[in-house]
C-alpha cells in the first residue's frame, strides 16, 4: 500500500516542530540526530514541492493584438522570460515594445 503524501502545509508544520525541538535542546543526541535527518529530508521534499508549484505559475500578458498570452514565471528573476527590467512600455530608445522597428538591423 502506498503511503499518503504529506501536503506542503503539513510538512512545513512538521519541520517547524522539529526545529523547535532541536532549539530547546531537550532531545538526547540520538533523538536530535534523528530529528535533524528527518528535517533535512523534509526540507528537500518541501523545496521540490515549491519548485513544482513555481513551474505551474504563469504570468498573463497581452500580445500586440491585445489577446491574452500566458508566459511562464521565472522564480529567480520574479518576471516572465523576456520581460523588460523597467516598468514602462517602451524600449530604452523610447519606442513602444513590439514596434516594427524593433527588428535587428541587417546590412
Protein backbone atom coordinates (compact mmCIF):
# COMPACT_ATOMS: atom_id res chain seq x y z
CA UNK A 1 0.00 0.00 0.00
CA UNK A 2 1.36 3.42 -0.97
CA UNK A 3 1.96 5.92 1.83
CA UNK A 4 -0.17 9.07 1.62
CA UNK A 5 1.97 12.02 0.51
CA UNK A 6 2.15 14.81 3.04
CA UNK A 7 0.82 18.19 1.95
CA UNK A 8 3.19 21.14 1.84
CA UNK A 9 1.49 22.72 4.84
CA UNK A 10 1.67 19.50 6.90
CA UNK A 11 5.34 19.06 6.00
CA UNK A 12 6.15 22.65 6.91
CA UNK A 13 4.37 22.31 10.26
CA UNK A 14 6.33 19.12 10.99
CA UNK A 15 9.60 20.82 10.03
CA UNK A 16 8.82 23.74 12.36
CA UNK A 17 8.17 21.30 15.24
CA UNK A 18 11.48 19.54 14.54
CA UNK A 19 13.34 22.85 14.59
CA UNK A 20 11.68 23.83 17.87
CA UNK A 21 12.63 20.52 19.47
CA UNK A 22 16.24 20.95 18.34
CA UNK A 23 16.38 24.54 19.56
CA UNK A 24 15.10 23.78 23.06
CA UNK A 25 17.89 21.16 23.48
CA UNK A 26 15.62 18.73 25.31
CA UNK A 27 16.43 15.80 22.99
CA UNK A 28 19.25 13.38 23.67
CA UNK A 29 21.92 13.02 20.99
CA UNK A 30 20.35 10.06 19.19
CA UNK A 31 16.91 11.68 19.01
CA UNK A 32 18.44 15.01 17.98
CA UNK A 33 20.30 13.31 15.10
CA UNK A 34 17.08 11.57 14.05
CA UNK A 35 15.18 14.86 14.13
CA UNK A 36 17.95 16.54 12.15
CA UNK A 37 17.89 13.80 9.48
CA UNK A 38 14.10 13.94 9.25
CA UNK A 39 14.26 17.74 8.93
CA UNK A 40 16.80 17.53 6.10
CA UNK A 41 14.64 15.04 4.22
CA UNK A 42 11.56 17.21 4.78
CA UNK A 43 13.36 20.32 3.54
CA UNK A 44 14.30 18.53 0.30
CA UNK A 45 10.69 17.39 -0.19
CA UNK A 46 9.28 20.85 0.56
CA UNK A 47 11.75 22.53 -1.82
CA UNK A 48 10.72 20.10 -4.59
CA UNK A 49 7.06 20.94 -3.99
CA UNK A 50 7.82 24.68 -4.14
CA UNK A 51 9.76 24.22 -7.39
CA UNK A 52 6.85 22.27 -8.89
CA UNK A 53 4.39 24.97 -7.86
CA UNK A 54 6.60 27.72 -9.30
CA UNK A 55 6.73 25.83 -12.59
CA UNK A 56 2.95 25.97 -12.79
CA UNK A 57 2.67 29.69 -12.20
CA UNK A 58 2.14 31.71 -15.33
CA UNK A 59 2.00 35.42 -15.90
CA UNK A 60 -0.82 36.61 -18.08
CA UNK A 61 0.17 39.30 -20.55
CA UNK A 62 -1.24 40.57 -23.84
CA UNK A 63 0.19 40.20 -27.31
CA UNK A 64 0.34 43.05 -29.83
CA UNK A 65 -3.27 42.43 -30.86
CA UNK A 66 -4.45 42.65 -27.25
CA UNK A 67 -5.15 38.93 -26.88
CA UNK A 68 -4.28 37.29 -23.55
CA UNK A 69 -0.95 35.49 -23.66
CA UNK A 70 0.37 33.21 -20.91
CA UNK A 71 4.08 33.30 -20.14
CA UNK A 72 5.84 31.11 -17.59
CA UNK A 73 7.00 32.81 -14.43
CA UNK A 74 10.75 32.83 -13.71
CA UNK A 75 11.07 32.44 -9.92
CA UNK A 76 14.72 33.53 -9.95
CA UNK A 77 14.09 36.94 -11.52
CA UNK A 78 10.49 37.45 -10.42
CA UNK A 79 9.49 38.19 -14.04
CA UNK A 80 8.35 36.30 -17.05
CA UNK A 81 11.07 35.45 -19.61
CA UNK A 82 11.69 38.32 -22.00
CA UNK A 83 10.14 40.91 -19.69
CA UNK A 84 11.92 44.29 -19.55
CA UNK A 85 13.71 45.34 -16.38
CA UNK A 86 11.87 48.68 -16.32
CA UNK A 87 8.18 49.21 -15.73
CA UNK A 88 7.38 51.29 -18.81
CA UNK A 89 6.12 50.01 -22.15
CA UNK A 90 8.90 51.45 -24.20
CA UNK A 91 12.32 50.21 -25.16
CA UNK A 92 15.35 52.01 -23.85
CA UNK A 93 15.34 54.04 -27.06
CA UNK A 94 11.82 55.37 -26.36
CA UNK A 95 9.93 53.20 -28.87
CA UNK A 96 6.99 51.10 -27.75
CA UNK A 97 7.73 47.41 -27.16
CA UNK A 98 6.81 45.37 -30.19
CA UNK A 99 7.22 48.22 -32.69
CA UNK A 100 8.11 47.01 -36.19
CA UNK A 101 11.36 48.96 -35.85
CA UNK A 102 12.43 46.58 -33.08
CA UNK A 103 13.81 44.25 -35.75
CA UNK A 104 17.59 43.83 -35.74
CA UNK A 105 19.42 45.89 -38.32
CA UNK A 106 20.73 43.98 -41.34
CA UNK A 107 23.37 45.29 -43.69
